[in-house]
Amino acid sequence: AAVATQPDAVKKASGSLLRRKYVVPFVLACVILACNTATGINS
């Protein structure tokens, strides 16, 4: 409830990926996942 009622949490989701709290973890997760596969594990 606390997260849902924060001022920026009630903004429309269309711009959500452009804010710092979303961009930083999103990019970090993408890099970790890509590098994880690029170790060659699946091949």
PDB file of all heavy atoms in Angstrom:
ATOM      1  N   ALA A   1       0.825  -1.205   0.000  1.00  0.00           N
ATOM      2  CA  ALA A   1       0.000   0.000   0.000  1.00  0.00           C
ATOM      3  C   ALA A   1       0.861   1.258   0.000  1.00  0.00           C
ATOM      4  O   ALA A   1       0.559   2.240  -0.679  1.00  0.00           O
ATOM      5  CB  ALA A   1      -0.928  -0.005   1.211  1.00  0.00           C
ATOM      6  N   ALA A   2       1.970   1.223   0.760  1.00  0.00           N
ATOM      7  CA  ALA A   2       2.852   2.387   0.839  1.00  0.00           C
ATOM      8  C   ALA A   2       3.475   2.694  -0.520  1.00  0.00           C
ATOM      9  O   ALA A   2       3.570   3.852  -0.937  1.00  0.00           O
ATOM     10  CB  ALA A   2       3.939   2.140   1.888  1.00  0.00           C
ATOM     11  N   VAL A   3       3.924   1.649  -1.229  1.00  0.00           N
ATOM     12  CA  VAL A   3       4.511   1.853  -2.550  1.00  0.00           C
ATOM     13  C   VAL A   3       3.464   2.343  -3.538  1.00  0.00           C
ATOM     14  O   VAL A   3       3.698   3.230  -4.355  1.00  0.00           O
ATOM     15  CB  VAL A   3       5.165   0.550  -3.052  1.00  0.00           C
ATOM     16  CG1 VAL A   3       5.561   0.665  -4.520  1.00  0.00           C
ATOM     17  CG2 VAL A   3       6.383   0.198  -2.200  1.00  0.00           C
ATOM     18  N   ALA A   4       2.247   1.756  -3.444  1.00  0.00           N
ATOM     19  CA  ALA A   4       1.185   2.096  -4.399  1.00  0.00           C
ATOM     20  C   ALA A   4       0.699   3.532  -4.238  1.00  0.00           C
ATOM     21  O   ALA A   4       0.207   4.135  -5.183  1.00  0.00           O
ATOM     22  CB  ALA A   4       0.013   1.137  -4.237  1.00  0.00           C
ATOM     23  N   THR A   5       0.838   4.110  -3.043  1.00  0.00           N
ATOM     24  CA  THR A   5       0.313   5.456  -2.793  1.00  0.00           C
ATOM     25  C   THR A   5       1.373   6.545  -2.878  1.00  0.00           C
ATOM     26  O   THR A   5       1.087   7.712  -2.611  1.00  0.00           O
ATOM     27  CB  THR A   5      -0.338   5.517  -1.395  1.00  0.00           C
ATOM     28  OG1 THR A   5       0.613   5.095  -0.401  1.00  0.00           O
ATOM     29  CG2 THR A   5      -1.567   4.631  -1.339  1.00  0.00           C
ATOM     30  N   GLN A   6       2.613   6.208  -3.241  1.00  0.00           N
ATOM     31  CA  GLN A   6       3.630   7.242  -3.433  1.00  0.00           C
ATOM     32  C   GLN A   6       3.232   8.128  -4.609  1.00  0.00           C
ATOM     33  O   GLN A   6       2.606   7.673  -5.552  1.00  0.00           O
ATOM     34  CB  GLN A   6       4.994   6.598  -3.708  1.00  0.00           C
ATOM     35  CG  GLN A   6       5.617   5.968  -2.467  1.00  0.00           C
ATOM     36  CD  GLN A   6       6.933   5.309  -2.798  1.00  0.00           C
ATOM     37  OE1 GLN A   6       7.349   5.278  -3.947  1.00  0.00           O
ATOM     38  NE2 GLN A   6       7.575   4.775  -1.772  1.00  0.00           N
ATOM     39  N   PRO A   7       3.597   9.393  -4.593  1.00  0.00           N
ATOM     40  CA  PRO A   7       3.177  10.313  -5.663  1.00  0.00           C
ATOM     41  C   PRO A   7       3.497   9.826  -7.062  1.00  0.00           C
ATOM     42  O   PRO A   7       2.677   9.881  -7.945  1.00  0.00           O
ATOM     43  CB  PRO A   7       3.945  11.607  -5.322  1.00  0.00           C
ATOM     44  CG  PRO A   7       4.172  11.533  -3.846  1.00  0.00           C
ATOM     45  CD  PRO A   7       4.359  10.088  -3.525  1.00  0.00           C
ATOM     46  N   ASP A   8       4.725   9.324  -7.284  1.00  0.00           N
ATOM     47  CA  ASP A   8       5.061   8.918  -8.641  1.00  0.00           C
ATOM     48  C   ASP A   8       4.543   7.546  -8.974  1.00  0.00           C
ATOM     49  O   ASP A   8       4.551   7.122 -10.117  1.00  0.00           O
ATOM     50  CB  ASP A   8       6.573   8.971  -8.870  1.00  0.00           C
ATOM     51  CG  ASP A   8       7.303   7.910  -8.071  1.00  0.00           C
ATOM     52  OD1 ASP A   8       6.758   7.481  -7.043  1.00  0.00           O
ATOM     53  OD2 ASP A   8       8.410   7.526  -8.482  1.00  0.00           O
ATOM     54  N   ALA A   9       4.092   6.795  -7.976  1.00  0.00           N
ATOM     55  CA  ALA A   9       3.575   5.459  -8.238  1.00  0.00           C
ATOM     56  C   ALA A   9       2.217   5.495  -8.879  1.00  0.00           C
ATOM     57  O   ALA A   9       1.790   4.530  -9.494  1.00  0.00           O
ATOM     58  CB  ALA A   9       3.521   4.654  -6.946  1.00  0.00           C
ATOM     59  N   VAL A  10       1.508   6.602  -8.735  1.00  0.00           N
ATOM     60  CA  VAL A  10       0.166   6.686  -9.311  1.00  0.00           C
ATOM     61  C   VAL A  10       0.166   7.331 -10.686  1.00  0.00           C
ATOM     62  O   VAL A  10      -0.879   7.529 -11.285  1.00  0.00           O
ATOM     63  CB  VAL A  10      -0.775   7.475  -8.367  1.00  0.00           C
ATOM     64  CG1 VAL A  10      -0.940   6.757  -7.049  1.00  0.00           C
ATOM     65  CG2 VAL A  10      -0.274   8.891  -8.148  1.00  0.00           C
ATOM     66  N   LYS A  11       1.367   7.711 -11.175  1.00  0.00           N
ATOM     67  CA  LYS A  11       1.428   8.250 -12.523  1.00  0.00           C
ATOM     68  C   LYS A  11       1.180   7.151 -13.530  1.00  0.00           C
ATOM     69  O   LYS A  11       1.302   5.968 -13.239  1.00  0.00           O
ATOM     70  CB  LYS A  11       2.805   8.873 -12.773  1.00  0.00           C
ATOM     71  CG  LYS A  11       3.078  10.106 -11.921  1.00  0.00           C
ATOM     72  CD  LYS A  11       4.460  10.651 -12.227  1.00  0.00           C
ATOM     73  CE  LYS A  11       4.760  11.869 -11.363  1.00  0.00           C
ATOM     74  NZ  LYS A  11       6.112  12.381 -11.613  1.00  0.00           N
ATOM     75  N   LYS A  12       0.853   7.535 -14.715  1.00  0.00           N
ATOM     76  CA  LYS A  12       0.595   6.556 -15.760  1.00  0.00           C
ATOM     77  C   LYS A  12       1.857   5.762 -16.058  1.00  0.00           C
ATOM     78  O   LYS A  12       2.964   6.276 -16.045  1.00  0.00           O
ATOM     79  CB  LYS A  12       0.112   7.245 -17.039  1.00  0.00           C
ATOM     80  CG  LYS A  12      -1.274   7.859 -16.884  1.00  0.00           C
ATOM     81  CD  LYS A  12      -1.745   8.465 -18.203  1.00  0.00           C
ATOM     82  CE  LYS A  12      -3.148   9.036 -18.051  1.00  0.00           C
ATOM     83  NZ  LYS A  12      -3.628   9.625 -19.304  1.00  0.00           N
ATOM     84  N   ALA A  13       1.654   4.467 -16.379  1.00  0.00           N
ATOM     85  CA  ALA A  13       2.791   3.575 -16.602  1.00  0.00           C
ATOM     86  C   ALA A  13       3.499   3.846 -17.910  1.00  0.00           C
ATOM     87  O   ALA A  13       4.575   3.341 -18.155  1.00  0.00           O
ATOM     88  CB  ALA A  13       2.321   2.121 -16.571  1.00  0.00           C
ATOM     89  N   SER A  14       2.903   4.650 -18.809  1.00  0.00           N
ATOM     90  CA  SER A  14       3.501   4.871 -20.126  1.00  0.00           C
ATOM     91  C   SER A  14       4.888   5.486 -20.040  1.00  0.00           C
ATOM     92  O   SER A  14       5.729   5.255 -20.904  1.00  0.00           O
ATOM     93  CB  SER A  14       2.599   5.776 -20.973  1.00  0.00           C
ATOM     94  OG  SER A  14       2.403   7.017 -20.317  1.00  0.00           O
ATOM     95  N   GLY A  15       5.149   6.249 -18.998  1.00  0.00           N
ATOM     96  CA  GLY A  15       6.466   6.837 -18.860  1.00  0.00           C
ATOM     97  C   GLY A  15       7.305   6.182 -17.791  1.00  0.00           C
ATOM     98  O   GLY A  15       8.361   6.672 -17.461  1.00  0.00           O
ATOM     99  N   SER A  16       6.858   5.059 -17.256  1.00  0.00           N
ATOM    100  CA  SER A  16       7.508   4.455 -16.102  1.00  0.00           C
ATOM    101  C   SER A  16       8.927   4.010 -16.396  1.00  0.00           C
ATOM    102  O   SER A  16       9.803   4.141 -15.548  1.00  0.00           O
ATOM    103  CB  SER A  16       6.689   3.269 -15.591  1.00  0.00           C
ATOM    104  OG  SER A  16       6.581   2.263 -16.587  1.00  0.00           O
ATOM    105  N   LEU A  17       9.196   3.539 -17.593  1.00  0.00           N
ATOM    106  CA  LEU A  17      10.522   3.047 -17.911  1.00  0.00           C
ATOM    107  C   LEU A  17      11.531   4.171 -18.102  1.00  0.00           C
ATOM    108  O   LEU A  17      12.714   3.922 -18.258  1.00  0.00           O
ATOM    109  CB  LEU A  17      10.473   2.171 -19.165  1.00  0.00           C
ATOM    110  CG  LEU A  17       9.846   0.795 -18.992  1.00  0.00           C
ATOM    111  CD1 LEU A  17       9.819   0.059 -20.315  1.00  0.00           C
ATOM    112  CD2 LEU A  17      10.598  -0.029 -17.947  1.00  0.00           C
ATOM    113  N   LEU A  18      11.081   5.410 -18.094  1.00  0.00           N
ATOM    114  CA  LEU A  18      11.973   6.536 -18.301  1.00  0.00           C
ATOM    115  C   LEU A  18      12.446   7.166 -16.999  1.00  0.00           C
ATOM    116  O   LEU A  18      13.254   8.096 -17.023  1.00  0.00           O
ATOM    117  CB  LEU A  18      11.285   7.596 -19.168  1.00  0.00           C
ATOM    118  CG  LEU A  18      10.835   7.139 -20.557  1.00  0.00           C
ATOM    119  CD1 LEU A  18      10.136   8.283 -21.286  1.00  0.00           C
ATOM    120  CD2 LEU A  18      12.014   6.622 -21.367  1.00  0.00           C
ATOM    121  N   ARG A  19      11.942   6.716 -15.869  1.00  0.00           N
ATOM    122  CA  ARG A  19      12.341   7.290 -14.585  1.00  0.00           C
ATOM    123  C   ARG A  19      13.463   6.469 -13.959  1.00  0.00           C
ATOM    124  O   ARG A  19      13.574   5.272 -14.171  1.00  0.00           O
ATOM    125  CB  ARG A  19      11.129   7.365 -13.646  1.00  0.00           C
ATOM    126  CG  ARG A  19      10.050   8.313 -14.172  1.00  0.00           C
ATOM    127  CD  ARG A  19       9.113   8.746 -13.054  1.00  0.00           C
ATOM    128  NE  ARG A  19       8.357   7.640 -12.498  1.00  0.00           N
ATOM    129  CZ  ARG A  19       7.205   7.190 -13.019  1.00  0.00           C
ATOM    130  NH1 ARG A  19       6.710   7.750 -14.118  1.00  0.00           N
ATOM    131  NH2 ARG A  19       6.553   6.204 -12.463  1.00  0.00           N
ATOM    132  N   ARG A  20      14.282   7.139 -13.172  1.00  0.00           N
ATOM    133  CA  ARG A  20      15.494   6.535 -12.630  1.00  0.00           C
ATOM    134  C   ARG A  20      15.220   5.238 -11.885  1.00  0.00           C
ATOM    135  O   ARG A  20      15.966   4.269 -12.033  1.00  0.00           O
ATOM    136  CB  ARG A  20      16.180   7.531 -11.690  1.00  0.00           C
ATOM    137  CG  ARG A  20      17.447   7.011 -11.054  1.00  0.00           C
ATOM    138  CD  ARG A  20      18.023   7.978 -10.033  1.00  0.00           C
ATOM    139  NE  ARG A  20      19.264   7.480  -9.474  1.00  0.00           N
ATOM    140  CZ  ARG A  20      19.331   6.604  -8.479  1.00  0.00           C
ATOM    141  NH1 ARG A  20      18.227   6.140  -7.924  1.00  0.00           N
ATOM    142  NH2 ARG A  20      20.518   6.184  -8.037  1.00  0.00           N
ATOM    143  N   LYS A  21      14.181   5.208 -11.072  1.00  0.00           N
ATOM    144  CA  LYS A  21      13.904   4.034 -10.245  1.00  0.00           C
ATOM    145  C   LYS A  21      13.590   2.809 -11.091  1.00  0.00           C
ATOM    146  O   LYS A  21      13.644   1.671 -10.598  1.00  0.00           O
ATOM    147  CB  LYS A  21      12.754   4.316  -9.285  1.00  0.00           C
ATOM    148  CG  LYS A  21      11.416   4.569  -9.965  1.00  0.00           C
ATOM    149  CD  LYS A  21      10.302   4.790  -8.934  1.00  0.00           C
ATOM    150  CE  LYS A  21       9.959   3.512  -8.211  1.00  0.00           C
ATOM    151  NZ  LYS A  21       8.783   3.667  -7.334  1.00  0.00           N
ATOM    152  N   TYR A  22      13.251   3.016 -12.357  1.00  0.00           N
ATOM    153  CA  TYR A  22      12.961   1.901 -13.256  1.00  0.00           C
ATOM    154  C   TYR A  22      14.112   1.658 -14.231  1.00  0.00           C
ATOM    155  O   TYR A  22      14.431   0.511 -14.545  1.00  0.00           O
ATOM    156  CB  TYR A  22      11.672   2.168 -14.038  1.00  0.00           C
ATOM    157  CG  TYR A  22      10.459   2.323 -13.166  1.00  0.00           C
ATOM    158  CD1 TYR A  22       9.535   3.334 -13.400  1.00  0.00           C
ATOM    159  CD2 TYR A  22      10.235   1.461 -12.096  1.00  0.00           C
ATOM    160  CE1 TYR A  22       8.413   3.482 -12.589  1.00  0.00           C
ATOM    161  CE2 TYR A  22       9.116   1.600 -11.276  1.00  0.00           C
ATOM    162  CZ  TYR A  22       8.214   2.608 -11.529  1.00  0.00           C
ATOM    163  OH  TYR A  22       7.121   2.744 -10.727  1.00  0.00           O
ATOM    164  N   VAL A  23      14.722   2.734 -14.719  1.00  0.00           N
ATOM    165  CA  VAL A  23      15.769   2.583 -15.726  1.00  0.00           C
ATOM    166  C   VAL A  23      16.973   1.844 -15.166  1.00  0.00           C
ATOM    167  O   VAL A  23      17.501   0.915 -15.795  1.00  0.00           O
ATOM    168  CB  VAL A  23      16.189   3.968 -16.271  1.00  0.00           C
ATOM    169  CG1 VAL A  23      17.439   3.838 -17.143  1.00  0.00           C
ATOM    170  CG2 VAL A  23      15.058   4.607 -17.059  1.00  0.00           C
ATOM    171  N   VAL A  24      17.448   2.239 -13.972  1.00  0.00           N
ATOM    172  CA  VAL A  24      18.669   1.654 -13.416  1.00  0.00           C
ATOM    173  C   VAL A  24      18.522   0.153 -13.178  1.00  0.00           C
ATOM    174  O   VAL A  24      19.346  -0.631 -13.677  1.00  0.00           O
ATOM    175  CB  VAL A  24      19.087   2.390 -12.128  1.00  0.00           C
ATOM    176  CG1 VAL A  24      20.266   1.680 -11.470  1.00  0.00           C
ATOM    177  CG2 VAL A  24      19.448   3.837 -12.439  1.00  0.00           C
ATOM    178  N   PRO A  25      17.507  -0.315 -12.431  1.00  0.00           N
ATOM    179  CA  PRO A  25      17.398  -1.764 -12.237  1.00  0.00           C
ATOM    180  C   PRO A  25      17.094  -2.522 -13.519  1.00  0.00           C
ATOM    181  O   PRO A  25      17.544  -3.652 -13.694  1.00  0.00           O
ATOM    182  CB  PRO A  25      16.250  -1.901 -11.223  1.00  0.00           C
ATOM    183  CG  PRO A  25      15.479  -0.642 -11.326  1.00  0.00           C
ATOM    184  CD  PRO A  25      16.470   0.412 -11.670  1.00  0.00           C
ATOM    185  N   PHE A  26      16.341  -1.899 -14.422  1.00  0.00           N
ATOM    186  CA  PHE A  26      16.013  -2.555 -15.686  1.00  0.00           C
ATOM    187  C   PHE A  26      17.275  -2.796 -16.515  1.00  0.00           C
ATOM    188  O   PHE A  26      17.514  -3.902 -17.006  1.00  0.00           O
ATOM    189  CB  PHE A  26      15.022  -1.695 -16.466  1.00  0.00           C
ATOM    190  CG  PHE A  26      14.736  -2.195 -17.854  1.00  0.00           C
ATOM    191  CD1 PHE A  26      13.921  -3.296 -18.061  1.00  0.00           C
ATOM    192  CD2 PHE A  26      15.296  -1.563 -18.957  1.00  0.00           C
ATOM    193  CE1 PHE A  26      13.677  -3.760 -19.335  1.00  0.00           C
ATOM    194  CE2 PHE A  26      15.049  -2.021 -20.240  1.00  0.00           C
ATOM    195  CZ  PHE A  26      14.234  -3.119 -20.432  1.00  0.00           C
ATOM    196  N   VAL A  27      18.098  -1.764 -16.672  1.00  0.00           N
ATOM    197  CA  VAL A  27      19.329  -1.903 -17.447  1.00  0.00           C
ATOM    198  C   VAL A  27      20.270  -2.900 -16.777  1.00  0.00           C
ATOM    199  O   VAL A  27      20.899  -3.738 -17.442  1.00  0.00           O
ATOM    200  CB  VAL A  27      20.019  -0.535 -17.617  1.00  0.00           C
ATOM    201  CG1 VAL A  27      21.407  -0.696 -18.226  1.00  0.00           C
ATOM    202  CG2 VAL A  27      19.165   0.383 -18.477  1.00  0.00           C
ATOM    203  N   LEU A  28      20.364  -2.824 -15.445  1.00  0.00           N
ATOM    204  CA  LEU A  28      21.236  -3.736 -14.711  1.00  0.00           C
ATOM    205  C   LEU A  28      20.803  -5.185 -14.912  1.00  0.00           C
ATOM    206  O   LEU A  28      21.634  -6.071 -15.157  1.00  0.00           O
ATOM    207  CB  LEU A  28      21.221  -3.375 -13.229  1.00  0.00           C
ATOM    208  CG  LEU A  28      22.209  -4.107 -12.317  1.00  0.00           C
ATOM    209  CD1 LEU A  28      23.635  -3.901 -12.801  1.00  0.00           C
ATOM    210  CD2 LEU A  28      22.057  -3.616 -10.877  1.00  0.00           C
ATOM    211  N   ALA A  29      19.495  -5.441 -14.826  1.00  0.00           N
ATOM    212  CA  ALA A  29      18.986  -6.797 -15.032  1.00  0.00           C
ATOM    213  C   ALA A  29      19.263  -7.281 -16.451  1.00  0.00           C
ATOM    214  O   ALA A  29      19.633  -8.443 -16.662  1.00  0.00           O
ATOM    215  CB  ALA A  29      17.487  -6.845 -14.740  1.00  0.00           C
ATOM    216  N   CYS A  30      19.097  -6.388 -17.433  1.00  0.00           N
ATOM    217  CA  CYS A  30      19.348  -6.760 -18.833  1.00  0.00           C
ATOM    218  C   CYS A  30      20.808  -7.142 -19.047  1.00  0.00           C
ATOM    219  O   CYS A  30      21.116  -8.142 -19.718  1.00  0.00           O
ATOM    220  CB  CYS A  30      18.967  -5.609 -19.762  1.00  0.00           C
ATOM    221  SG  CYS A  30      17.190  -5.357 -19.942  1.00  0.00           S
ATOM    222  N   VAL A  31      21.717  -6.347 -18.490  1.00  0.00           N
ATOM    223  CA  VAL A  31      23.150  -6.621 -18.663  1.00  0.00           C
ATOM    224  C   VAL A  31      23.517  -7.943 -17.991  1.00  0.00           C
ATOM    225  O   VAL A  31      24.250  -8.771 -18.568  1.00  0.00           O
ATOM    226  CB  VAL A  31      23.999  -5.469 -18.087  1.00  0.00           C
ATOM    227  CG1 VAL A  31      25.484  -5.835 -18.084  1.00  0.00           C
ATOM    228  CG2 VAL A  31      23.770  -4.202 -18.891  1.00  0.00           C
ATOM    229  N   ILE A  32      23.012  -8.168 -16.780  1.00  0.00           N
ATOM    230  CA  ILE A  32      23.321  -9.406 -16.061  1.00  0.00           C
ATOM    231  C   ILE A  32      22.801 -10.619 -16.825  1.00  0.00           C
ATOM    232  O   ILE A  32      23.500 -11.628 -16.989  1.00  0.00           O
ATOM    233  CB  ILE A  32      22.731  -9.352 -14.640  1.00  0.00           C
ATOM    234  CG1 ILE A  32      23.544  -8.382 -13.775  1.00  0.00           C
ATOM    235  CG2 ILE A  32      22.722 -10.737 -13.997  1.00  0.00           C
ATOM    236  CD1 ILE A  32      22.974  -8.154 -12.404  1.00  0.00           C
ATOM    237  N   LEU A  33      21.580 -10.533 -17.325  1.00  0.00           N
ATOM    238  CA  LEU A  33      21.009 -11.666 -18.053  1.00  0.00           C
ATOM    239  C   LEU A  33      21.754 -11.938 -19.352  1.00  0.00           C
ATOM    240  O   LEU A  33      22.032 -13.092 -19.692  1.00  0.00           O
ATOM    241  CB  LEU A  33      19.532 -11.395 -18.352  1.00  0.00           C
ATOM    242  CG  LEU A  33      18.567 -11.682 -17.214  1.00  0.00           C
ATOM    243  CD1 LEU A  33      17.180 -11.173 -17.568  1.00  0.00           C
ATOM    244  CD2 LEU A  33      18.504 -13.164 -16.919  1.00  0.00           C
ATOM    245  N   ALA A  34      22.061 -10.878 -20.107  1.00  0.00           N
ATOM    246  CA  ALA A  34      22.783 -11.060 -21.376  1.00  0.00           C
ATOM    247  C   ALA A  34      24.164 -11.666 -21.133  1.00  0.00           C
ATOM    248  O   ALA A  34      24.583 -12.592 -21.842  1.00  0.00           O
ATOM    249  CB  ALA A  34      22.892  -9.727 -22.104  1.00  0.00           C
ATOM    250  N   CYS A  35      24.876 -11.154 -20.134  1.00  0.00           N
ATOM    251  CA  CYS A  35      26.198 -11.682 -19.824  1.00  0.00           C
ATOM    252  C   CYS A  35      26.123 -13.111 -19.304  1.00  0.00           C
ATOM    253  O   CYS A  35      27.016 -13.928 -19.572  1.00  0.00           O
ATOM    254  CB  CYS A  35      26.904 -10.790 -18.800  1.00  0.00           C
ATOM    255  SG  CYS A  35      27.407  -9.180 -19.433  1.00  0.00           S
ATOM    256  N   ASN A  36      25.070 -13.415 -18.567  1.00  0.00           N
ATOM    257  CA  ASN A  36      24.908 -14.771 -18.057  1.00  0.00           C
ATOM    258  C   ASN A  36      24.845 -15.777 -19.204  1.00  0.00           C
ATOM    259  O   ASN A  36      25.484 -16.826 -19.178  1.00  0.00           O
ATOM    260  CB  ASN A  36      23.632 -14.856 -17.216  1.00  0.00           C
ATOM    261  CG  ASN A  36      23.505 -16.175 -16.480  1.00  0.00           C
ATOM    262  OD1 ASN A  36      24.182 -16.401 -15.476  1.00  0.00           O
ATOM    263  ND2 ASN A  36      22.661 -17.067 -16.983  1.00  0.00           N
ATOM    264  N   THR A  37      24.076 -15.458 -20.237  1.00  0.00           N
ATOM    265  CA  THR A  37      23.977 -16.341 -21.389  1.00  0.00           C
ATOM    266  C   THR A  37      25.260 -16.324 -22.210  1.00  0.00           C
ATOM    267  O   THR A  37      25.671 -17.342 -22.767  1.00  0.00           O
ATOM    268  CB  THR A  37      22.794 -15.924 -22.273  1.00  0.00           C
ATOM    269  OG1 THR A  37      21.592 -16.031 -21.512  1.00  0.00           O
ATOM    270  CG2 THR A  37      22.674 -16.811 -23.494  1.00  0.00           C
ATOM    271  N   ALA A  38      25.906 -15.144 -22.278  1.00  0.00           N
ATOM    272  CA  ALA A  38      27.120 -15.012 -23.079  1.00  0.00           C
ATOM    273  C   ALA A  38      28.312 -15.754 -22.481  1.00  0.00           C
ATOM    274  O   ALA A  38      29.360 -15.858 -23.138  1.00  0.00           O
ATOM    275  CB  ALA A  38      27.464 -13.534 -23.261  1.00  0.00           C
ATOM    276  N   THR A  39      28.192 -16.283 -21.276  1.00  0.00           N
ATOM    277  CA  THR A  39      29.224 -17.187 -20.771  1.00  0.00           C
ATOM    278  C   THR A  39      29.300 -18.458 -21.613  1.00  0.00           C
ATOM    279  O   THR A  39      30.264 -19.228 -21.498  1.00  0.00           O
ATOM    280  CB  THR A  39      28.940 -17.597 -19.316  1.00  0.00           C
ATOM    281  OG1 THR A  39      27.682 -18.286 -19.244  1.00  0.00           O
ATOM    282  CG2 THR A  39      28.921 -16.393 -18.400  1.00  0.00           C
ATOM    283  N   GLY A  40      28.264 -18.693 -22.445  1.00  0.00           N
ATOM    284  CA  GLY A  40      28.225 -19.890 -23.285  1.00  0.00           C
ATOM    285  C   GLY A  40      27.509 -21.053 -22.648  1.00  0.00           C
ATOM    286  O   GLY A  40      27.542 -22.165 -23.184  1.00  0.00           O
ATOM    287  N   ILE A  41      26.828 -20.822 -21.531  1.00  0.00           N
ATOM    288  CA  ILE A  41      26.245 -21.919 -20.770  1.00  0.00           C
ATOM    289  C   ILE A  41      25.302 -22.775 -21.606  1.00  0.00           C
ATOM    290  O   ILE A  41      25.389 -24.002 -21.594  1.00  0.00           O
ATOM    291  CB  ILE A  41      25.534 -21.373 -19.494  1.00  0.00           C
ATOM    292  CG1 ILE A  41      24.909 -22.504 -18.683  1.00  0.00           C
ATOM    293  CG2 ILE A  41      24.499 -20.299 -19.845  1.00  0.00           C
ATOM    294  CD1 ILE A  41      25.908 -23.483 -18.135  1.00  0.00           C
ATOM    295  N   ASN A  42      24.397 -22.165 -22.363  1.00  0.00           N
ATOM    296  CA  ASN A  42      23.442 -22.954 -23.141  1.00  0.00           C
ATOM    297  C   ASN A  42      24.116 -23.696 -24.282  1.00  0.00           C
ATOM    298  O   ASN A  42      23.773 -24.847 -24.576  1.00  0.00           O
ATOM    299  CB  ASN A  42      22.327 -22.052 -23.685  1.00  0.00           C
ATOM    300  CG  ASN A  42      21.400 -21.555 -22.593  1.00  0.00           C
ATOM    301  OD1 ASN A  42      21.276 -22.180 -21.551  1.00  0.00           O
ATOM    302  ND2 ASN A  42      20.764 -20.427 -22.822  1.00  0.00           N
ATOM    303  N   SER A  43      25.069 -23.063 -24.948  1.00  0.00           N
ATOM    304  CA  SER A  43      25.789 -23.728 -26.041  1.00  0.00           C
ATOM    305  C   SER A  43      26.648 -24.872 -25.514  1.00  0.00           C
ATOM    306  O   SER A  43      26.725 -25.940 -26.128  1.00  0.00           O
ATOM    307  CB  SER A  43      26.668 -22.722 -26.783  1.00  0.00           C
ATOM    308  OG  SER A  43      25.874 -21.741 -27.418  1.00  0.00           O
TER     309      SER A  43
END
